């Protein structure tokens, strides 16, 4: 498995990278509301996952999807789900397990 969950909200973006034998996490934070997200840096850090889920603020999900459509169509085609949510500022382990089981294809 080589998959990724991106949890986006206006203050923080968290990446959970799932591979066959381990999980890796990284996050980016905005210090001011006027700061812009560097989607190019975030996308480069994903390192070509096989599948991607976007979770979080609907407006930010849309903004990132538009950026992908204009700058990285290969990754845009790997989006398998976009889930709107504004309940938490960071993703919790139970949600990661749920998304892993529900959305990512098992590898044999």
Protein backbone atom coordinates (compact mmCIF):
# COMPACT_ATOMS: atom_id res chain seq x y z
CA UNK A 1 0.00 0.00 0.00
CA UNK A 2 1.19 3.48 -0.85
CA UNK A 3 -1.62 5.83 0.11
CA UNK A 4 -2.09 9.22 1.71
CA UNK A 5 -4.69 11.10 3.74
CA UNK A 6 -4.49 14.89 3.67
CA UNK A 7 -6.41 16.58 6.47
CA UNK A 8 -6.92 20.24 5.58
CA UNK A 9 -8.19 23.14 7.65
CA UNK A 10 -7.45 26.85 7.60
CA UNK A 11 -4.72 26.71 10.28
CA UNK A 12 -3.11 23.31 9.70
CA UNK A 13 -2.64 20.68 7.01
CA UNK A 14 -1.68 17.20 8.14
CA UNK A 15 -0.42 14.41 5.90
CA UNK A 16 -0.75 10.78 6.94
CA UNK A 17 1.25 8.57 4.59
CA UNK A 18 0.38 4.88 4.75
CA UNK A 19 2.76 2.30 3.43
CA UNK A 20 2.67 -1.47 3.74
CA UNK A 21 4.69 -1.70 6.92
CA UNK A 22 4.47 1.76 8.52
CA UNK A 23 2.74 5.11 8.79
CA UNK A 24 4.39 8.52 8.51
CA UNK A 25 2.94 11.87 9.56
CA UNK A 26 3.86 15.45 8.73
CA UNK A 27 2.06 18.75 9.18
CA UNK A 28 2.23 22.37 8.07
CA UNK A 29 0.81 25.29 10.04
CA UNK A 30 -0.10 28.85 9.13
CA UNK A 31 1.01 31.46 11.63
CA UNK A 32 -1.28 34.17 10.25
CA UNK A 33 -4.66 33.94 8.54
CA UNK A 34 -3.25 35.99 5.65
CA UNK A 35 -0.56 33.36 4.92
CA UNK A 36 -1.09 31.23 1.81
CA UNK A 37 -0.63 27.47 1.67
CA UNK A 38 2.30 26.26 -0.41
CA UNK A 39 0.50 23.47 -2.26
CA UNK A 40 3.60 22.76 -4.37
CA UNK A 41 5.66 21.91 -1.26
CA UNK A 42 2.87 19.83 0.23
CA UNK A 43 2.36 17.90 -3.00
CA UNK A 44 6.09 17.24 -3.38
CA UNK A 45 6.17 15.80 0.15
CA UNK A 46 3.44 13.29 -0.73
CA UNK A 47 5.99 11.47 -2.92
CA UNK A 48 3.64 10.02 -5.55
CA UNK A 49 1.12 7.99 -3.55
CA UNK A 50 -1.07 5.45 -5.32
CA UNK A 51 -4.26 6.81 -3.75
CA UNK A 52 -5.18 10.02 -1.91
CA UNK A 53 -8.07 11.10 0.31
CA UNK A 54 -8.73 14.76 1.12
CA UNK A 55 -10.49 15.40 4.42
CA UNK A 56 -11.40 18.70 6.03
CA UNK A 57 -12.60 22.19 5.20
CA UNK A 58 -14.69 22.02 2.00
CA UNK A 59 -13.41 25.35 0.68
CA UNK A 60 -9.79 24.37 1.19
CA UNK A 61 -10.43 20.92 -0.33
CA UNK A 62 -11.82 22.66 -3.41
CA UNK A 63 -8.90 25.10 -3.56
CA UNK A 64 -6.38 22.23 -3.39
CA UNK A 65 -8.27 20.19 -6.01
CA UNK A 66 -8.21 23.18 -8.36
CA UNK A 67 -4.49 23.61 -7.75
CA UNK A 68 -3.94 19.92 -8.53
CA UNK A 69 -5.97 20.17 -11.75
CA UNK A 70 -3.73 23.02 -12.92
CA UNK A 71 -0.35 21.82 -11.60
CA UNK A 72 -0.34 18.04 -11.01
CA UNK A 73 -2.96 16.16 -13.00
CA UNK A 74 -1.31 12.81 -12.30
CA UNK A 75 -1.92 13.22 -8.55
CA UNK A 76 -5.37 14.73 -9.17
CA UNK A 77 -6.38 11.46 -10.86
CA UNK A 78 -5.34 9.55 -7.73
CA UNK A 79 -7.94 11.27 -5.53
CA UNK A 80 -10.36 8.56 -4.46
CA UNK A 81 -12.44 10.55 -1.94
CA UNK A 82 -13.01 14.13 -0.81
CA UNK A 83 -14.68 14.35 2.58
CA UNK A 84 -15.83 17.63 4.10
CA UNK A 85 -15.34 18.01 7.84
CA UNK A 86 -14.77 20.94 10.19
CA UNK A 87 -15.01 19.14 13.52
CA UNK A 88 -11.35 18.83 14.50
CA UNK A 89 -8.11 20.67 13.85
CA UNK A 90 -6.14 17.45 13.38
CA UNK A 91 -6.91 13.91 12.35
CA UNK A 92 -7.27 11.28 15.06
CA UNK A 93 -5.99 7.67 14.86
CA UNK A 94 -9.48 6.15 14.79
CA UNK A 95 -10.31 8.18 11.69
CA UNK A 96 -7.08 7.07 10.01
CA UNK A 97 -7.99 3.42 10.67
CA UNK A 98 -11.51 3.96 9.39
CA UNK A 99 -10.35 5.60 6.15
CA UNK A 100 -7.67 2.96 5.64
CA UNK A 101 -10.18 0.13 5.86
CA UNK A 102 -12.98 1.83 3.95
CA UNK A 103 -11.17 3.51 1.06
CA UNK A 104 -7.77 2.04 0.35
CA UNK A 105 -7.53 -1.11 -1.69
CA UNK A 106 -5.96 -4.09 0.06
CA UNK A 107 -2.68 -5.22 -1.42
CA UNK A 108 -1.81 -8.89 -1.70
